[in-house]
Amino acid sequence: MEKQKQFLLSAVLCAASIVISIALVEGVLRVKNSAMTNYDIEMWRYAKELKVKSADPAIDFEHVPNKSAVLQQVPIRLNNLGLRGPPLQEPKPGERRILFLGGSIALGWGVPEEQTVEMQLQARMNAAGQPAQVLNAGIGNFNAERYVTRFFKQLTEVKPTDIVVLYFLRDAENLPPGGGNFLLRHSQLAVTLWIAFHRLFDKSGAESLVDHYRGVYTPDAPGFITMQQQLKKLAAFSKERGIRLYFVMTPDVHNLTAYPFGFIHDMMRKIAETDGYVFVDLLPSMTGLRPEDIWAMPGDPHPNALGHRRMADAILPVLLANPK
């Protein structure tokens, strides 16, 4: 009996020691990460602070309306529709309402609000005598299925005069639902260990990005098929209502000197133009830039303010050429 008590006491002490150690490590990580920018942790904070699970599985998650947070040292504010930026204003007579759909690049991850492509275009169009509200519906980790579905479920009331699909290579990927793991949602230690494990042992990383995307863009790939269906659905809706529609192809910014994904740009040009989109390729505006020139921060391949300025340079003439 005495031995059982000692064993039980040892087990309790061991469990308590483990819990206290985990809590201490969690605390140390949170203090460390609050004093420096860690891309993976900042994306984790974004999902935790500004997103909520959606009732629609095709959307998966959405922005929390009227919420704000400082992420990667940049304030992100959301309005009552979950759009990044100020509350919607009633359009003035003759004013265009241009809605951007897309993922984290459209959101402007790591870029101050006034320097995002949307706000730059709004300022430039107003200065050019074509008044416009440019609305940012970008949400991180969205693909074409998610942002088009969200438009039909939540954003048709915006009544845009123009829709810009800011498309990225991964928008044709078949994304599984996320956010179901309690530990990964609430613990920085769990996130850190999960990332370290996959970087050490996940051998799929040996597959090159080119090979990966060739698989994504094969004709029978489920995500590729769904992406085309969603773009066609958006095109039909826009044509019926006289909404001008643009497809802006955003390049991967890992290698802008010997760019390896031109075949996807060519493929998407054919798809977009067949559906009636005005196609804009952003690759020429970024060719030759180095990662240190355009990445939001080391380890974070999102276009920085320079990248967003280059995007605005390329998109503005197209918008101005299609006045209301």
C-alpha atoms as a PDB file:
ATOM      1  CA  MET A   1       0.000   0.000   0.000  1.00  0.00           C
ATOM      2  CA  GLU A   2       2.847   2.341   0.910  1.00  0.00           C
ATOM      3  CA  LYS A   3       4.517   1.630  -2.431  1.00  0.00           C
ATOM      4  CA  GLN A   4       1.272   2.449  -4.287  1.00  0.00           C
ATOM      5  CA  LYS A   5       1.066   5.797  -2.466  1.00  0.00           C
ATOM      6  CA  GLN A   6       4.660   6.576  -3.337  1.00  0.00           C
ATOM      7  CA  PHE A   7       4.078   5.627  -6.971  1.00  0.00           C
ATOM      8  CA  LEU A   8       0.937   7.782  -7.125  1.00  0.00           C
ATOM      9  CA  LEU A   9       2.746  10.711  -5.500  1.00  0.00           C
ATOM     10  CA  SER A  10       5.622  10.347  -7.969  1.00  0.00           C
ATOM     11  CA  ALA A  11       3.210  10.234 -10.895  1.00  0.00           C
ATOM     12  CA  VAL A  12       1.407  13.359  -9.671  1.00  0.00           C
ATOM     13  CA  LEU A  13       4.695  15.204  -9.144  1.00  0.00           C
ATOM     14  CA  CYS A  14       5.932  14.131 -12.565  1.00  0.00           C
ATOM     15  CA  ALA A  15       2.711  15.267 -14.248  1.00  0.00           C
ATOM     16  CA  ALA A  16       2.799  18.567 -12.352  1.00  0.00           C
ATOM     17  CA  SER A  17       6.424  19.101 -13.373  1.00  0.00           C
ATOM     18  CA  ILE A  18       5.572  18.479 -17.024  1.00  0.00           C
ATOM     19  CA  VAL A  19       2.589  20.875 -16.913  1.00  0.00           C
ATOM     20  CA  ILE A  20       4.652  23.574 -15.191  1.00  0.00           C
ATOM     21  CA  SER A  21       7.511  23.111 -17.671  1.00  0.00           C
ATOM     22  CA  ILE A  22       5.155  23.363 -20.644  1.00  0.00           C
ATOM     23  CA  ALA A  23       3.552  26.474 -19.150  1.00  0.00           C
ATOM     24  CA  LEU A  24       6.972  28.049 -18.606  1.00  0.00           C
ATOM     25  CA  VAL A  25       8.108  27.294 -22.159  1.00  0.00           C
ATOM     26  CA  GLU A  26       4.798  28.637 -23.494  1.00  0.00           C
ATOM     27  CA  GLY A  27       5.312  31.815 -21.478  1.00  0.00           C
ATOM     28  CA  VAL A  28       8.897  32.245 -22.641  1.00  0.00           C
ATOM     29  CA  LEU A  29       7.846  31.777 -26.283  1.00  0.00           C
ATOM     30  CA  ARG A  30       5.079  34.344 -25.966  1.00  0.00           C
ATOM     31  CA  VAL A  31       7.445  36.893 -24.398  1.00  0.00           C
ATOM     32  CA  LYS A  32      10.118  36.241 -27.041  1.00  0.00           C
ATOM     33  CA  ASN A  33       7.676  36.408 -29.936  1.00  0.00           C
ATOM     34  CA  SER A  34       6.109  39.597 -28.614  1.00  0.00           C
ATOM     35  CA  ALA A  35       9.510  41.282 -28.804  1.00  0.00           C
ATOM     36  CA  MET A  36      10.382  40.142 -32.332  1.00  0.00           C
ATOM     37  CA  THR A  37       8.600  39.320 -35.570  1.00  0.00           C
ATOM     38  CA  ASN A  38       8.157  35.634 -36.331  1.00  0.00           C
ATOM     39  CA  TYR A  39       6.267  35.028 -39.577  1.00  0.00           C
ATOM     40  CA  ASP A  40       4.757  31.685 -38.547  1.00  0.00           C
ATOM     41  CA  ILE A  41       3.602  32.981 -35.174  1.00  0.00           C
ATOM     42  CA  GLU A  42       2.209  36.179 -36.685  1.00  0.00           C
ATOM     43  CA  MET A  43       0.133  34.119 -39.137  1.00  0.00           C
ATOM     44  CA  TRP A  44      -1.020  32.023 -36.165  1.00  0.00           C
ATOM     45  CA  ARG A  45      -2.037  35.200 -34.340  1.00  0.00           C
ATOM     46  CA  TYR A  46      -3.896  36.388 -37.441  1.00  0.00           C
ATOM     47  CA  ALA A  47      -5.946  33.185 -37.510  1.00  0.00           C
ATOM     48  CA  LYS A  48      -6.588  33.428 -33.766  1.00  0.00           C
ATOM     49  CA  GLU A  49      -7.378  37.133 -33.470  1.00  0.00           C
ATOM     50  CA  LEU A  50      -9.053  38.109 -36.737  1.00  0.00           C
ATOM     51  CA  LYS A  51     -10.681  34.910 -38.014  1.00  0.00           C
ATOM     52  CA  VAL A  52     -13.611  32.757 -36.980  1.00  0.00           C
ATOM     53  CA  LYS A  53     -14.905  29.431 -38.273  1.00  0.00           C
ATOM     54  CA  SER A  54     -17.504  29.901 -41.007  1.00  0.00           C
ATOM     55  CA  ALA A  55     -20.855  28.141 -41.046  1.00  0.00           C
ATOM     56  CA  ASP A  56     -20.215  27.456 -44.742  1.00  0.00           C
ATOM     57  CA  PRO A  57     -17.612  24.670 -45.223  1.00  0.00           C
ATOM     58  CA  ALA A  58     -16.773  26.008 -48.682  1.00  0.00           C
ATOM     59  CA  ILE A  59     -15.579  29.247 -47.035  1.00  0.00           C
ATOM     60  CA  ASP A  60     -14.099  27.425 -43.998  1.00  0.00           C
ATOM     61  CA  PHE A  61     -13.279  30.565 -41.999  1.00  0.00           C
ATOM     62  CA  GLU A  62     -13.875  34.288 -42.316  1.00  0.00           C
ATOM     63  CA  HIS A  63     -12.862  37.602 -40.836  1.00  0.00           C
ATOM     64  CA  VAL A  64     -14.377  38.804 -37.568  1.00  0.00           C
ATOM     65  CA  PRO A  65     -16.265  42.040 -38.402  1.00  0.00           C
ATOM     66  CA  ASN A  66     -15.190  45.276 -36.736  1.00  0.00           C
ATOM     67  CA  LYS A  67     -12.042  43.703 -35.275  1.00  0.00           C
ATOM     68  CA  SER A  68      -8.456  44.924 -35.479  1.00  0.00           C
ATOM     69  CA  ALA A  69      -4.987  43.701 -34.542  1.00  0.00           C
ATOM     70  CA  VAL A  70      -1.332  44.612 -35.008  1.00  0.00           C
ATOM     71  CA  LEU A  71       0.244  41.777 -36.974  1.00  0.00           C
ATOM     72  CA  GLN A  72       3.833  41.718 -38.173  1.00  0.00           C
ATOM     73  CA  GLN A  73       4.084  45.266 -36.773  1.00  0.00           C
ATOM     74  CA  VAL A  74       1.294  46.441 -39.104  1.00  0.00           C
ATOM     75  CA  PRO A  75      -2.224  47.428 -37.942  1.00  0.00           C
ATOM     76  CA  ILE A  76      -5.022  45.549 -39.701  1.00  0.00           C
ATOM     77  CA  ARG A  77      -8.549  46.856 -39.161  1.00  0.00           C
ATOM     78  CA  LEU A  78     -11.693  45.176 -40.418  1.00  0.00           C
ATOM     79  CA  ASN A  79     -15.017  46.877 -41.062  1.00  0.00           C
ATOM     80  CA  ASN A  80     -18.550  45.568 -40.504  1.00  0.00           C
ATOM     81  CA  LEU A  81     -18.303  43.322 -43.586  1.00  0.00           C
ATOM     82  CA  GLY A  82     -14.885  41.931 -42.633  1.00  0.00           C
ATOM     83  CA  LEU A  83     -13.167  43.985 -45.349  1.00  0.00           C
ATOM     84  CA  ARG A  84      -9.797  45.504 -44.527  1.00  0.00           C
ATOM     85  CA  GLY A  85     -10.170  49.240 -44.230  1.00  0.00           C
ATOM     86  CA  PRO A  86     -12.704  51.863 -43.162  1.00  0.00           C
ATOM     87  CA  PRO A  87     -16.491  51.449 -43.000  1.00  0.00           C
ATOM     88  CA  LEU A  88     -18.254  51.517 -46.347  1.00  0.00           C
ATOM     89  CA  GLN A  89     -19.512  54.881 -47.521  1.00  0.00           C
ATOM     90  CA  GLU A  90     -22.472  55.393 -49.833  1.00  0.00           C
ATOM     91  CA  PRO A  91     -21.091  55.889 -53.355  1.00  0.00           C
ATOM     92  CA  LYS A  92     -21.195  59.452 -54.594  1.00  0.00           C
ATOM     93  CA  PRO A  93     -22.728  60.169 -58.016  1.00  0.00           C
ATOM     94  CA  GLY A  94     -20.372  58.875 -60.706  1.00  0.00           C
ATOM     95  CA  GLU A  95     -18.134  57.078 -58.205  1.00  0.00           C
ATOM     96  CA  ARG A  96     -17.001  53.538 -59.003  1.00  0.00           C
ATOM     97  CA  ARG A  97     -16.934  50.802 -56.383  1.00  0.00           C
ATOM     98  CA  ILE A  98     -14.101  48.399 -57.169  1.00  0.00           C
ATOM     99  CA  LEU A  99     -14.019  45.180 -55.149  1.00  0.00           C
ATOM    100  CA  PHE A 100     -10.788  43.178 -54.831  1.00  0.00           C
ATOM    101  CA  LEU A 101     -11.141  39.425 -54.207  1.00  0.00           C
ATOM    102  CA  GLY A 102      -8.175  37.265 -53.226  1.00  0.00           C
ATOM    103  CA  GLY A 103      -6.025  35.821 -50.477  1.00  0.00           C
ATOM    104  CA  SER A 104      -3.289  37.237 -48.266  1.00  0.00           C
ATOM    105  CA  ILE A 105      -1.683  39.254 -51.087  1.00  0.00           C
ATOM    106  CA  ALA A 106      -4.961  41.061 -51.704  1.00  0.00           C
ATOM    107  CA  LEU A 107      -5.297  41.550 -47.940  1.00  0.00           C
ATOM    108  CA  GLY A 108      -1.869  43.208 -47.962  1.00  0.00           C
ATOM    109  CA  TRP A 109      -0.168  40.993 -45.391  1.00  0.00           C
ATOM    110  CA  GLY A 110       2.745  42.899 -43.858  1.00  0.00           C
ATOM    111  CA  VAL A 111       1.842  46.130 -45.681  1.00  0.00           C
ATOM    112  CA  PRO A 112       0.337  49.245 -44.028  1.00  0.00           C
ATOM    113  CA  GLU A 113      -3.239  49.879 -45.137  1.00  0.00           C
ATOM    114  CA  GLU A 114      -2.500  53.094 -47.032  1.00  0.00           C
ATOM    115  CA  GLN A 115       0.251  51.342 -49.016  1.00  0.00           C
ATOM    116  CA  THR A 116      -1.810  48.346 -50.156  1.00  0.00           C
ATOM    117  CA  VAL A 117      -2.607  48.064 -53.839  1.00  0.00           C
ATOM    118  CA  GLU A 118      -6.257  48.861 -53.120  1.00  0.00           C
ATOM    119  CA  MET A 119      -5.607  52.122 -51.278  1.00  0.00           C
ATOM    120  CA  GLN A 120      -2.950  53.193 -53.757  1.00  0.00           C
ATOM    121  CA  LEU A 121      -5.379  52.655 -56.625  1.00  0.00           C
ATOM    122  CA  GLN A 122      -8.139  54.532 -54.827  1.00  0.00           C
ATOM    123  CA  ALA A 123      -5.899  57.558 -54.266  1.00  0.00           C
ATOM    124  CA  ARG A 124      -4.577  57.527 -57.822  1.00  0.00           C
ATOM    125  CA  MET A 125      -7.997  57.110 -59.441  1.00  0.00           C
ATOM    126  CA  ASN A 126      -9.421  59.988 -57.434  1.00  0.00           C
ATOM    127  CA  ALA A 127      -6.415  62.117 -58.417  1.00  0.00           C
ATOM    128  CA  ALA A 128      -6.950  61.173 -62.076  1.00  0.00           C
ATOM    129  CA  GLY A 129     -10.545  62.390 -62.027  1.00  0.00           C
ATOM    130  CA  GLN A 130     -12.184  58.953 -61.907  1.00  0.00           C
ATOM    131  CA  PRO A 131     -13.578  58.830 -58.348  1.00  0.00           C
ATOM    132  CA  ALA A 132     -13.590  55.349 -56.860  1.00  0.00           C
ATOM    133  CA  GLN A 133     -13.930  53.385 -53.663  1.00  0.00           C
ATOM    134  CA  VAL A 134     -11.548  50.422 -53.804  1.00  0.00           C
ATOM    135  CA  LEU A 135     -12.594  47.700 -51.357  1.00  0.00           C
ATOM    136  CA  ASN A 136     -10.272  45.043 -49.953  1.00  0.00           C
ATOM    137  CA  ALA A 137     -11.964  41.633 -49.490  1.00  0.00           C
ATOM    138  CA  GLY A 138      -8.695  39.698 -49.264  1.00  0.00           C
ATOM    139  CA  ILE A 139      -8.460  36.981 -46.609  1.00  0.00           C
ATOM    140  CA  GLY A 140      -5.302  35.009 -45.878  1.00  0.00           C
ATOM    141  CA  ASN A 141      -5.271  31.334 -46.934  1.00  0.00           C
ATOM    142  CA  PHE A 142      -8.213  31.758 -49.291  1.00  0.00           C
ATOM    143  CA  ASN A 143      -8.261  30.094 -52.692  1.00  0.00           C
ATOM    144  CA  ALA A 144     -10.576  30.861 -55.621  1.00  0.00           C
ATOM    145  CA  GLU A 145     -13.315  28.590 -54.304  1.00  0.00           C
ATOM    146  CA  ARG A 146     -13.342  30.375 -50.957  1.00  0.00           C
ATOM    147  CA  TYR A 147     -13.258  33.980 -52.114  1.00  0.00           C
ATOM    148  CA  VAL A 148     -15.804  33.530 -54.905  1.00  0.00           C
ATOM    149  CA  THR A 149     -18.113  31.592 -52.575  1.00  0.00           C
ATOM    150  CA  ARG A 150     -17.764  34.339 -49.990  1.00  0.00           C
ATOM    151  CA  PHE A 151     -18.641  36.958 -52.583  1.00  0.00           C
ATOM    152  CA  PHE A 152     -21.914  35.237 -53.432  1.00  0.00           C
ATOM    153  CA  LYS A 153     -22.791  34.509 -49.801  1.00  0.00           C
ATOM    154  CA  GLN A 154     -21.758  37.800 -48.183  1.00  0.00           C
ATOM    155  CA  LEU A 155     -20.650  40.545 -50.564  1.00  0.00           C
ATOM    156  CA  THR A 156     -23.174  40.905 -53.394  1.00  0.00           C
ATOM    157  CA  GLU A 157     -24.797  43.648 -51.288  1.00  0.00           C
ATOM    158  CA  VAL A 158     -21.685  45.743 -51.896  1.00  0.00           C
ATOM    159  CA  LYS A 159     -22.936  46.161 -55.497  1.00  0.00           C
ATOM    160  CA  PRO A 160     -19.531  46.712 -57.115  1.00  0.00           C
ATOM    161  CA  THR A 161     -19.178  48.384 -60.481  1.00  0.00           C
ATOM    162  CA  ASP A 162     -15.915  46.467 -60.965  1.00  0.00           C
ATOM    163  CA  ILE A 163     -14.503  43.220 -59.554  1.00  0.00           C
ATOM    164  CA  VAL A 164     -10.766  42.512 -59.543  1.00  0.00           C
ATOM    165  CA  VAL A 165      -9.674  38.925 -58.912  1.00  0.00           C
ATOM    166  CA  LEU A 166      -6.136  39.226 -57.558  1.00  0.00           C
ATOM    167  CA  TYR A 167      -5.118  35.674 -58.405  1.00  0.00           C
ATOM    168  CA  PHE A 168      -2.129  33.768 -57.038  1.00  0.00           C
ATOM    169  CA  LEU A 169      -0.756  30.366 -58.067  1.00  0.00           C
ATOM    170  CA  ARG A 170      -2.108  28.525 -55.029  1.00  0.00           C
ATOM    171  CA  ASP A 171      -5.677  29.733 -55.701  1.00  0.00           C
ATOM    172  CA  ALA A 172      -6.239  26.502 -57.649  1.00  0.00           C
ATOM    173  CA  GLU A 173      -5.158  24.291 -54.755  1.00  0.00           C
ATOM    174  CA  ASN A 174      -7.675  22.030 -53.065  1.00  0.00           C
ATOM    175  CA  LEU A 175      -7.384  23.361 -49.492  1.00  0.00           C
ATOM    176  CA  PRO A 176      -8.511  21.152 -46.600  1.00  0.00           C
ATOM    177  CA  PRO A 177     -10.517  22.699 -43.744  1.00  0.00           C
ATOM    178  CA  GLY A 178      -8.324  24.128 -41.012  1.00  0.00           C
ATOM    179  CA  GLY A 179      -8.458  25.283 -37.407  1.00  0.00           C
ATOM    180  CA  GLY A 180      -9.780  22.058 -35.904  1.00  0.00           C
ATOM    181  CA  ASN A 181      -6.849  21.304 -33.577  1.00  0.00           C
ATOM    182  CA  PHE A 182      -7.354  22.933 -30.166  1.00  0.00           C
ATOM    183  CA  LEU A 183      -3.652  22.929 -29.239  1.00  0.00           C
ATOM    184  CA  LEU A 184      -2.534  24.412 -32.559  1.00  0.00           C
ATOM    185  CA  ARG A 185      -5.147  27.136 -32.229  1.00  0.00           C
ATOM    186  CA  HIS A 186      -4.259  28.144 -28.673  1.00  0.00           C
ATOM    187  CA  SER A 187      -0.599  27.268 -28.039  1.00  0.00           C
ATOM    188  CA  GLN A 188       2.498  28.890 -29.544  1.00  0.00           C
ATOM    189  CA  LEU A 189       4.545  25.955 -28.266  1.00  0.00           C
ATOM    190  CA  ALA A 190       2.334  23.508 -30.168  1.00  0.00           C
ATOM    191  CA  VAL A 191       2.622  25.600 -33.328  1.00  0.00           C
ATOM    192  CA  THR A 192       6.417  25.840 -32.967  1.00  0.00           C
ATOM    193  CA  LEU A 193       6.790  22.078 -32.466  1.00  0.00           C
ATOM    194  CA  TRP A 194       4.407  21.313 -35.356  1.00  0.00           C
ATOM    195  CA  ILE A 195       6.371  23.546 -37.729  1.00  0.00           C
ATOM    196  CA  ALA A 196       9.727  22.126 -36.570  1.00  0.00           C
ATOM    197  CA  PHE A 197       8.474  18.553 -36.988  1.00  0.00           C
ATOM    198  CA  HIS A 198       7.274  19.139 -40.548  1.00  0.00           C
ATOM    199  CA  ARG A 199      10.442  20.934 -41.555  1.00  0.00           C
ATOM    200  CA  LEU A 200      12.564  18.089 -40.220  1.00  0.00           C
ATOM    201  CA  PHE A 201      10.543  15.050 -41.254  1.00  0.00           C
ATOM    202  CA  ASP A 202       8.097  16.027 -43.983  1.00  0.00           C
ATOM    203  CA  LYS A 203       9.842  14.692 -47.080  1.00  0.00           C
ATOM    204  CA  SER A 204       7.241  16.200 -49.424  1.00  0.00           C
ATOM    205  CA  GLY A 205       9.329  19.375 -49.221  1.00  0.00           C
ATOM    206  CA  ALA A 206      11.807  17.631 -51.504  1.00  0.00           C
ATOM    207  CA  GLU A 207       9.278  18.065 -54.280  1.00  0.00           C
ATOM    208  CA  SER A 208      10.064  21.261 -56.136  1.00  0.00           C
ATOM    209  CA  LEU A 209       7.507  24.040 -56.293  1.00  0.00           C
ATOM    210  CA  VAL A 210       7.429  23.621 -60.057  1.00  0.00           C
ATOM    211  CA  ASP A 211       6.529  19.945 -59.783  1.00  0.00           C
ATOM    212  CA  HIS A 212       3.979  20.748 -57.098  1.00  0.00           C
ATOM    213  CA  TYR A 213       2.197  23.334 -59.225  1.00  0.00           C
ATOM    214  CA  ARG A 214       2.311  21.169 -62.337  1.00  0.00           C
ATOM    215  CA  GLY A 215       0.269  18.719 -60.285  1.00  0.00           C
ATOM    216  CA  VAL A 216      -2.106  21.424 -59.100  1.00  0.00           C
ATOM    217  CA  TYR A 217      -2.756  22.580 -62.669  1.00  0.00           C
ATOM    218  CA  THR A 218      -3.360  19.213 -64.301  1.00  0.00           C
ATOM    219  CA  PRO A 219      -6.773  19.101 -66.039  1.00  0.00           C
ATOM    220  CA  ASP A 220      -8.240  16.497 -63.660  1.00  0.00           C
ATOM    221  CA  ALA A 221      -6.974  18.059 -60.384  1.00  0.00           C
ATOM    222  CA  PRO A 222     -10.021  18.730 -58.138  1.00  0.00           C
ATOM    223  CA  GLY A 223      -8.893  22.210 -57.070  1.00  0.00           C
ATOM    224  CA  PHE A 224      -8.148  23.210 -60.661  1.00  0.00           C
ATOM    225  CA  ILE A 225     -11.608  22.098 -61.779  1.00  0.00           C
ATOM    226  CA  THR A 226     -13.341  23.911 -58.895  1.00  0.00           C
ATOM    227  CA  MET A 227     -11.338  27.095 -59.531  1.00  0.00           C
ATOM    228  CA  GLN A 228     -12.484  27.196 -63.149  1.00  0.00           C
ATOM    229  CA  GLN A 229     -16.092  26.593 -62.159  1.00  0.00           C
ATOM    230  CA  GLN A 230     -16.014  29.423 -59.635  1.00  0.00           C
ATOM    231  CA  LEU A 231     -14.387  31.898 -62.036  1.00  0.00           C
ATOM    232  CA  LYS A 232     -16.962  31.037 -64.702  1.00  0.00           C
ATOM    233  CA  LYS A 233     -19.804  31.510 -62.194  1.00  0.00           C
ATOM    234  CA  LEU A 234     -18.452  34.931 -61.197  1.00  0.00           C
ATOM    235  CA  ALA A 235     -18.082  35.908 -64.864  1.00  0.00           C
ATOM    236  CA  ALA A 236     -21.686  34.958 -65.670  1.00  0.00           C
ATOM    237  CA  PHE A 237     -22.976  36.934 -62.671  1.00  0.00           C
ATOM    238  CA  SER A 238     -20.911  39.994 -63.630  1.00  0.00           C
ATOM    239  CA  LYS A 239     -21.904  39.908 -67.284  1.00  0.00           C
ATOM    240  CA  GLU A 240     -25.589  39.726 -66.362  1.00  0.00           C
ATOM    241  CA  ARG A 241     -25.285  42.821 -64.170  1.00  0.00           C
ATOM    242  CA  GLY A 242     -22.839  44.855 -66.249  1.00  0.00           C
ATOM    243  CA  ILE A 243     -20.003  44.571 -63.733  1.00  0.00           C
ATOM    244  CA  ARG A 244     -16.554  45.082 -65.249  1.00  0.00           C
ATOM    245  CA  LEU A 245     -14.343  42.118 -64.461  1.00  0.00           C
ATOM    246  CA  TYR A 246     -10.541  41.896 -64.231  1.00  0.00           C
ATOM    247  CA  PHE A 247      -8.235  38.965 -63.662  1.00  0.00           C
ATOM    248  CA  VAL A 248      -4.867  40.049 -62.243  1.00  0.00           C
ATOM    249  CA  MET A 249      -2.211  37.337 -62.271  1.00  0.00           C
ATOM    250  CA  THR A 250       0.200  37.725 -59.335  1.00  0.00           C
ATOM    251  CA  PRO A 251       3.581  35.988 -59.660  1.00  0.00           C
ATOM    252  CA  ASP A 252       5.300  33.863 -57.038  1.00  0.00           C
ATOM    253  CA  VAL A 253       8.100  36.065 -55.682  1.00  0.00           C
ATOM    254  CA  HIS A 254      10.656  33.389 -54.756  1.00  0.00           C
ATOM    255  CA  ASN A 255      12.493  33.749 -58.068  1.00  0.00           C
ATOM    256  CA  LEU A 256      11.728  36.757 -60.242  1.00  0.00           C
ATOM    257  CA  THR A 257      14.949  36.543 -62.241  1.00  0.00           C
ATOM    258  CA  ALA A 258      14.546  33.114 -63.841  1.00  0.00           C
ATOM    259  CA  TYR A 259      10.818  32.815 -63.295  1.00  0.00           C
ATOM    260  CA  PRO A 260       9.660  29.175 -63.508  1.00  0.00           C
ATOM    261  CA  PHE A 261       5.864  29.532 -63.559  1.00  0.00           C
ATOM    262  CA  GLY A 262       5.214  31.219 -66.875  1.00  0.00           C
ATOM    263  CA  PHE A 263       3.266  28.162 -68.020  1.00  0.00           C
ATOM    264  CA  ILE A 264       0.644  28.866 -65.333  1.00  0.00           C
ATOM    265  CA  HIS A 265       0.369  32.517 -66.372  1.00  0.00           C
ATOM    266  CA  ASP A 266      -0.231  31.421 -69.980  1.00  0.00           C
ATOM    267  CA  MET A 267      -2.808  28.871 -68.883  1.00  0.00           C
ATOM    268  CA  MET A 268      -4.697  31.346 -66.707  1.00  0.00           C
ATOM    269  CA  ARG A 269      -4.683  34.000 -69.424  1.00  0.00           C
ATOM    270  CA  LYS A 270      -6.555  31.625 -71.730  1.00  0.00           C
ATOM    271  CA  ILE A 271      -9.033  30.651 -69.016  1.00  0.00           C
ATOM    272  CA  ALA A 272      -9.676  34.236 -67.919  1.00  0.00           C
ATOM    273  CA  GLU A 273     -10.029  35.703 -71.384  1.00  0.00           C
ATOM    274  CA  THR A 274     -12.349  32.870 -72.471  1.00  0.00           C
ATOM    275  CA  ASP A 275     -14.607  33.757 -69.521  1.00  0.00           C
ATOM    276  CA  GLY A 276     -14.579  37.454 -70.395  1.00  0.00           C
ATOM    277  CA  TYR A 277     -12.120  38.833 -67.838  1.00  0.00           C
ATOM    278  CA  VAL A 278      -9.719  41.632 -68.722  1.00  0.00           C
ATOM    279  CA  PHE A 279      -6.373  39.942 -68.044  1.00  0.00           C
ATOM    280  CA  VAL A 280      -3.470  41.750 -66.348  1.00  0.00           C
ATOM    281  CA  ASP A 281      -0.146  39.991 -65.777  1.00  0.00           C
ATOM    282  CA  LEU A 282       1.903  41.493 -62.953  1.00  0.00           C
ATOM    283  CA  LEU A 283       5.067  39.525 -63.745  1.00  0.00           C
ATOM    284  CA  PRO A 284       6.609  42.171 -66.056  1.00  0.00           C
ATOM    285  CA  SER A 285       6.251  44.788 -63.322  1.00  0.00           C
ATOM    286  CA  MET A 286       8.268  42.648 -60.876  1.00  0.00           C
ATOM    287  CA  THR A 287      10.768  40.797 -63.072  1.00  0.00           C
ATOM    288  CA  GLY A 288      14.334  41.036 -61.778  1.00  0.00           C
ATOM    289  CA  LEU A 289      13.482  41.987 -58.200  1.00  0.00           C
ATOM    290  CA  ARG A 290      15.375  40.099 -55.488  1.00  0.00           C
ATOM    291  CA  PRO A 291      13.698  38.580 -52.419  1.00  0.00           C
ATOM    292  CA  GLU A 292      15.312  41.231 -50.224  1.00  0.00           C
ATOM    293  CA  ASP A 293      13.750  43.897 -52.468  1.00  0.00           C
ATOM    294  CA  ILE A 294      10.190  42.625 -52.406  1.00  0.00           C
ATOM    295  CA  TRP A 295       9.574  40.213 -49.510  1.00  0.00           C
ATOM    296  CA  ALA A 296       7.564  41.624 -46.591  1.00  0.00           C
ATOM    297  CA  MET A 297      10.296  40.330 -44.253  1.00  0.00           C
ATOM    298  CA  PRO A 298      12.964  37.583 -44.326  1.00  0.00           C
ATOM    299  CA  GLY A 299      11.157  34.246 -44.516  1.00  0.00           C
ATOM    300  CA  ASP A 300       7.881  35.868 -45.603  1.00  0.00           C
ATOM    301  CA  PRO A 301       7.358  35.754 -49.392  1.00  0.00           C
ATOM    302  CA  HIS A 302       4.488  38.248 -49.508  1.00  0.00           C
ATOM    303  CA  PRO A 303       5.001  41.379 -51.619  1.00  0.00           C
ATOM    304  CA  ASN A 304       5.966  44.374 -49.499  1.00  0.00           C
ATOM    305  CA  ALA A 305       4.971  48.004 -50.066  1.00  0.00           C
ATOM    306  CA  LEU A 306       7.242  48.175 -53.131  1.00  0.00           C
ATOM    307  CA  GLY A 307       5.501  45.112 -54.555  1.00  0.00           C
ATOM    308  CA  HIS A 308       2.088  46.670 -53.959  1.00  0.00           C
ATOM    309  CA  ARG A 309       3.242  49.881 -55.634  1.00  0.00           C
ATOM    310  CA  ARG A 310       4.392  47.903 -58.665  1.00  0.00           C
ATOM    311  CA  MET A 311       1.010  46.127 -58.721  1.00  0.00           C
ATOM    312  CA  ALA A 312      -0.836  49.441 -58.627  1.00  0.00           C
ATOM    313  CA  ASP A 313       1.371  50.762 -61.451  1.00  0.00           C
ATOM    314  CA  ALA A 314       0.313  47.848 -63.660  1.00  0.00           C
ATOM    315  CA  ILE A 315      -3.393  47.795 -62.760  1.00  0.00           C
ATOM    316  CA  LEU A 316      -4.155  51.531 -62.809  1.00  0.00           C
ATOM    317  CA  PRO A 317      -3.983  52.066 -66.614  1.00  0.00           C
ATOM    318  CA  VAL A 318      -6.375  49.163 -67.159  1.00  0.00           C
ATOM    319  CA  LEU A 319      -8.928  50.546 -64.704  1.00  0.00           C
ATOM    320  CA  LEU A 320      -8.648  54.045 -66.147  1.00  0.00           C
ATOM    321  CA  ALA A 321      -9.147  52.639 -69.651  1.00  0.00           C
ATOM    322  CA  ASN A 322     -12.520  51.189 -68.606  1.00  0.00           C
ATOM    323  CA  PRO A 323     -14.389  54.223 -67.203  1.00  0.00           C
ATOM    324  CA  LYS A 324     -17.944  54.037 -65.898  1.00  0.00           C
END
